Amino acid sequence: MTYQRLSKLIESGRITPIKSFQKDKLFFRTDVEALARELKELRKKYRPYDMGSIQKEKK
């Protein structure tokens, strides 16, 4: 995930940092894992053509 995408997720309120430094941010692991699951499901919905290549890589 890029820094820009992470900033957008923070702005939209989908993930909130527990501590912010000048260039870094800390998050709860459970929040990050939940967001990853959510984004994975959305990827399946909106980019089904990518899922075939992802499944091949896992094998």
N, C-alpha and C. Protein backbone atom coordinates (compact mmCIF):
# COMPACT_ATOMS: atom_id res chain seq x y z
N MET A 1 0.85 -1.16 0.00
CA MET A 1 0.00 0.00 0.00
C MET A 1 0.90 1.23 0.00
N THR A 2 0.53 2.18 -0.80
CA THR A 2 1.34 3.39 -0.91
C THR A 2 1.00 4.37 0.22
N TYR A 3 1.89 5.29 0.43
CA TYR A 3 1.69 6.32 1.45
C TYR A 3 0.45 7.16 1.11
N GLN A 4 0.27 7.44 -0.18
CA GLN A 4 -0.88 8.24 -0.61
C GLN A 4 -2.19 7.53 -0.30
N ARG A 5 -2.24 6.23 -0.59
CA ARG A 5 -3.46 5.45 -0.34
C ARG A 5 -3.74 5.39 1.16
N LEU A 6 -2.71 5.19 1.95
CA LEU A 6 -2.88 5.14 3.39
C LEU A 6 -3.41 6.48 3.92
N SER A 7 -2.90 7.57 3.38
CA SER A 7 -3.38 8.90 3.78
C SER A 7 -4.85 9.08 3.44
N LYS A 8 -5.27 8.59 2.28
CA LYS A 8 -6.68 8.68 1.88
C LYS A 8 -7.57 7.87 2.81
N LEU A 9 -7.11 6.68 3.20
CA LEU A 9 -7.88 5.84 4.12
C LEU A 9 -8.01 6.51 5.48
N ILE A 10 -6.98 7.20 5.92
CA ILE A 10 -7.04 7.92 7.20
C ILE A 10 -8.00 9.09 7.09
N GLU A 11 -7.92 9.84 6.00
CA GLU A 11 -8.82 11.00 5.80
C GLU A 11 -10.27 10.57 5.75
N SER A 12 -10.55 9.43 5.12
CA SER A 12 -11.93 8.97 4.99
C SER A 12 -12.44 8.31 6.26
N GLY A 13 -11.55 8.05 7.22
CA GLY A 13 -11.97 7.47 8.48
C GLY A 13 -12.06 5.96 8.48
N ARG A 14 -11.55 5.32 7.46
CA ARG A 14 -11.61 3.85 7.39
C ARG A 14 -10.59 3.20 8.30
N ILE A 15 -9.53 3.92 8.64
CA ILE A 15 -8.54 3.44 9.60
C ILE A 15 -8.02 4.65 10.36
N THR A 16 -7.81 4.48 11.66
CA THR A 16 -7.34 5.60 12.46
C THR A 16 -6.04 5.22 13.16
N PRO A 17 -5.04 6.07 13.09
CA PRO A 17 -3.78 5.78 13.76
C PRO A 17 -3.92 5.96 15.27
N ILE A 18 -3.21 5.14 16.02
CA ILE A 18 -3.23 5.30 17.48
C ILE A 18 -2.17 6.30 17.92
N LYS A 19 -1.13 6.46 17.08
CA LYS A 19 -0.09 7.44 17.38
C LYS A 19 0.50 7.92 16.06
N SER A 20 0.71 9.22 15.95
CA SER A 20 1.28 9.80 14.74
C SER A 20 2.59 10.49 15.07
N PHE A 21 3.59 10.21 14.27
CA PHE A 21 4.88 10.88 14.35
C PHE A 21 4.98 11.79 13.14
N GLN A 22 6.13 12.40 12.94
CA GLN A 22 6.27 13.33 11.83
C GLN A 22 6.04 12.63 10.49
N LYS A 23 6.63 11.46 10.29
CA LYS A 23 6.47 10.76 9.02
C LYS A 23 5.82 9.40 9.16
N ASP A 24 5.68 8.89 10.36
CA ASP A 24 5.15 7.55 10.57
C ASP A 24 3.87 7.60 11.38
N LYS A 25 3.09 6.52 11.24
CA LYS A 25 1.87 6.37 12.01
C LYS A 25 1.79 4.94 12.51
N LEU A 26 1.25 4.77 13.71
CA LEU A 26 1.08 3.44 14.28
C LEU A 26 -0.40 3.10 14.31
N PHE A 27 -0.72 1.83 14.02
CA PHE A 27 -2.10 1.36 13.98
C PHE A 27 -2.22 0.10 14.82
N PHE A 28 -3.43 -0.17 15.31
CA PHE A 28 -3.68 -1.45 15.95
C PHE A 28 -3.64 -2.53 14.88
N ARG A 29 -3.02 -3.64 15.21
CA ARG A 29 -2.88 -4.74 14.25
C ARG A 29 -4.26 -5.26 13.81
N THR A 30 -5.20 -5.36 14.74
CA THR A 30 -6.53 -5.87 14.39
C THR A 30 -7.23 -4.95 13.41
N ASP A 31 -7.03 -3.64 13.55
CA ASP A 31 -7.63 -2.69 12.61
C ASP A 31 -7.05 -2.87 11.21
N VAL A 32 -5.74 -3.06 11.14
CA VAL A 32 -5.08 -3.23 9.85
C VAL A 32 -5.52 -4.54 9.20
N GLU A 33 -5.63 -5.61 9.98
CA GLU A 33 -6.06 -6.90 9.44
C GLU A 33 -7.50 -6.84 8.96
N ALA A 34 -8.37 -6.15 9.70
CA ALA A 34 -9.76 -6.00 9.29
C ALA A 34 -9.86 -5.20 7.99
N LEU A 35 -9.09 -4.15 7.88
CA LEU A 35 -9.08 -3.35 6.66
C LEU A 35 -8.56 -4.17 5.48
N ALA A 36 -7.55 -4.99 5.71
CA ALA A 36 -7.00 -5.83 4.65
C ALA A 36 -8.05 -6.81 4.14
N ARG A 37 -8.81 -7.41 5.06
CA ARG A 37 -9.89 -8.34 4.65
C ARG A 37 -10.95 -7.61 3.84
N GLU A 38 -11.32 -6.41 4.30
CA GLU A 38 -12.33 -5.61 3.62
C GLU A 38 -11.88 -5.24 2.21
N LEU A 39 -10.64 -4.79 2.08
CA LEU A 39 -10.11 -4.40 0.77
C LEU A 39 -9.98 -5.61 -0.16
N LYS A 40 -9.66 -6.77 0.40
CA LYS A 40 -9.56 -7.98 -0.40
C LYS A 40 -10.92 -8.36 -0.98
N GLU A 41 -11.97 -8.24 -0.17
CA GLU A 41 -13.32 -8.54 -0.66
C GLU A 41 -13.74 -7.55 -1.74
N LEU A 42 -13.41 -6.28 -1.54
CA LEU A 42 -13.76 -5.28 -2.55
C LEU A 42 -12.99 -5.52 -3.85
N ARG A 43 -11.75 -5.99 -3.72
CA ARG A 43 -10.95 -6.31 -4.90
C ARG A 43 -11.60 -7.44 -5.69
N LYS A 44 -12.14 -8.44 -4.98
CA LYS A 44 -12.84 -9.54 -5.65
C LYS A 44 -14.06 -9.02 -6.40
N LYS A 45 -14.74 -8.06 -5.81
CA LYS A 45 -15.96 -7.53 -6.40
C LYS A 45 -15.68 -6.66 -7.62
N TYR A 46 -14.72 -5.77 -7.51
CA TYR A 46 -14.49 -4.78 -8.55
C TYR A 46 -13.37 -5.12 -9.52
N ARG A 47 -12.53 -6.11 -9.19
CA ARG A 47 -11.44 -6.49 -10.08
C ARG A 47 -11.35 -8.01 -10.18
N PRO A 48 -12.40 -8.64 -10.67
CA PRO A 48 -12.40 -10.12 -10.72
C PRO A 48 -11.33 -10.68 -11.65
N TYR A 49 -10.92 -9.91 -12.63
CA TYR A 49 -9.90 -10.39 -13.58
C TYR A 49 -8.53 -10.51 -12.92
N ASP A 50 -8.29 -9.82 -11.81
CA ASP A 50 -7.02 -9.91 -11.09
C ASP A 50 -6.97 -11.14 -10.19
N MET A 51 -8.10 -11.65 -9.78
CA MET A 51 -8.12 -12.74 -8.81
C MET A 51 -7.52 -14.02 -9.39
N GLY A 52 -7.63 -14.25 -10.67
CA GLY A 52 -7.04 -15.44 -11.27
C GLY A 52 -5.54 -15.44 -11.13
N SER A 53 -4.92 -14.32 -11.36
CA SER A 53 -3.46 -14.24 -11.25
C SER A 53 -3.01 -14.33 -9.79
N ILE A 54 -3.81 -13.81 -8.87
CA ILE A 54 -3.46 -13.88 -7.45
C ILE A 54 -3.55 -15.33 -6.96
N GLN A 55 -4.57 -16.05 -7.39
CA GLN A 55 -4.72 -17.44 -6.96
C GLN A 55 -3.60 -18.30 -7.52
N LYS A 56 -3.13 -18.03 -8.72
CA LYS A 56 -2.04 -18.79 -9.31
C LYS A 56 -0.75 -18.57 -8.53
N GLU A 57 -0.53 -17.34 -8.05
CA GLU A 57 0.68 -17.03 -7.29
C GLU A 57 0.71 -17.76 -5.96
N LYS A 58 -0.46 -17.99 -5.35
CA LYS A 58 -0.53 -18.65 -4.05
C LYS A 58 -0.16 -20.13 -4.15
N LYS A 59 -0.39 -20.75 -5.29
CA LYS A 59 -0.12 -22.19 -5.44
C LYS A 59 1.30 -22.51 -5.53
